[in-house]
Amino acid sequence: MSDAHTRKVTEEVFAERRRQVDELGYTETHDDQWTNGQMSAVAARLSKPATESEFTYRQRLVIAAAYLIAEIERLDRSATAERGEEEERVPAW
């Protein structure tokens, strides 16, 4: 797989996340109320092939990836708030 294709897929996921915020109202405030893994659970359900869906399997995976990004962002905000820090820090892997 080429870097260009990976970049295109990543842009699709980010565009879906932006749609979730802009059109569906899934803002940070909205997402922060889901603290028990609900967003990752939705992503897991979307990742399973479905026989009856208005979206293709690929579209469902893009939506699921956007939900996972939202969950990761929520976890980062929560950890930052627990530490009493103003800025998020990217973990050193």
Protein backbone atom coordinates (compact mmCIF):
# COMPACT_ATOMS: atom_id res chain seq x y z
CA MET A 1 0.00 0.00 0.00
CA SER A 2 1.37 3.39 -0.91
CA ASP A 3 1.77 6.37 1.37
CA ALA A 4 -0.62 8.26 -0.90
CA HIS A 5 -3.34 5.68 -0.36
CA THR A 6 -2.75 5.65 3.39
CA ARG A 7 -2.98 9.45 3.40
CA LYS A 8 -6.27 9.28 1.44
CA VAL A 9 -7.79 6.80 3.88
CA THR A 10 -6.63 8.87 6.85
CA GLU A 11 -8.19 11.98 5.31
CA GLU A 12 -11.47 10.08 4.89
CA VAL A 13 -11.46 9.14 8.57
CA PHE A 14 -10.71 12.71 9.63
CA ALA A 15 -13.46 14.00 7.33
CA GLU A 16 -15.89 11.56 8.95
CA ARG A 17 -14.86 12.73 12.39
CA ARG A 18 -15.41 16.34 11.29
CA ARG A 19 -18.87 15.33 9.99
CA GLN A 20 -19.69 13.74 13.32
CA VAL A 21 -18.84 17.00 15.08
CA ASP A 22 -20.37 19.44 12.59
CA GLU A 23 -23.50 17.57 11.51
CA LEU A 24 -24.25 15.26 14.42
CA GLY A 25 -23.07 17.51 17.25
CA TYR A 26 -20.58 14.96 18.60
CA THR A 27 -18.42 17.64 20.19
CA GLU A 28 -15.91 17.21 23.00
CA THR A 29 -18.67 18.03 25.51
CA HIS A 30 -20.91 15.38 23.96
CA ASP A 31 -18.16 12.77 23.81
CA ASP A 32 -16.96 13.41 27.38
CA GLN A 33 -20.22 12.09 28.79
CA TRP A 34 -19.50 8.59 27.44
CA THR A 35 -17.01 7.27 30.00
CA ASN A 36 -17.63 3.53 29.97
CA GLY A 37 -16.26 2.55 26.58
CA GLN A 38 -19.47 3.21 24.69
CA MET A 39 -17.72 4.83 21.72
CA SER A 40 -15.28 1.95 21.32
CA ALA A 41 -18.21 -0.48 21.63
CA VAL A 42 -20.01 1.32 18.79
CA ALA A 43 -16.82 1.14 16.73
CA ALA A 44 -16.59 -2.60 17.39
CA ARG A 45 -20.18 -3.14 16.28
CA LEU A 46 -19.62 -1.10 13.14
CA SER A 47 -16.52 -3.16 12.36
CA LYS A 48 -18.57 -6.31 11.95
CA PRO A 49 -19.97 -6.98 8.48
CA ALA A 50 -23.71 -6.37 8.42
CA THR A 51 -26.15 -7.78 5.93
CA GLU A 52 -28.60 -4.92 6.36
CA SER A 53 -27.02 -1.49 6.47
CA GLU A 54 -27.33 1.74 4.58
CA PHE A 55 -23.51 1.85 4.48
CA THR A 56 -21.00 -0.39 2.75
CA TYR A 57 -18.64 -2.37 4.95
CA ARG A 58 -15.81 0.01 4.02
CA GLN A 59 -17.92 3.04 4.97
CA ARG A 60 -18.72 1.39 8.29
CA LEU A 61 -15.00 0.91 8.95
CA VAL A 62 -14.31 4.59 8.24
CA ILE A 63 -17.09 5.58 10.66
CA ALA A 64 -15.73 3.13 13.24
CA ALA A 65 -12.23 4.58 12.93
CA ALA A 66 -13.63 8.06 13.54
CA TYR A 67 -15.38 6.81 16.69
CA LEU A 68 -12.07 5.36 17.88
CA ILE A 69 -10.35 8.69 17.34
CA ALA A 70 -13.09 10.36 19.39
CA GLU A 71 -12.58 7.83 22.19
CA ILE A 72 -8.80 8.31 22.19
CA GLU A 73 -9.26 12.08 22.32
CA ARG A 74 -11.72 11.68 25.21
CA LEU A 75 -9.27 9.48 27.12
CA ASP A 76 -6.50 12.04 26.58
CA ARG A 77 -8.72 14.88 27.84
CA SER A 78 -9.71 12.84 30.87
CA ALA A 79 -6.10 11.98 31.74
CA THR A 80 -5.07 15.60 31.32
CA ALA A 81 -7.89 16.77 33.58
CA GLU A 82 -6.97 14.17 36.21
CA ARG A 83 -3.39 15.45 36.24
CA GLY A 84 -4.62 19.03 36.43
CA GLU A 85 -2.73 20.00 33.32
CA GLU A 86 -3.88 22.51 30.78
CA GLU A 87 -2.26 20.97 27.73
CA GLU A 88 -2.46 17.44 26.48
CA ARG A 89 0.75 15.52 26.24
CA VAL A 90 1.39 12.91 23.62
CA PRO A 91 2.64 9.75 25.32
CA ALA A 92 6.13 8.59 24.53
CA TRP A 93 5.73 5.09 23.19
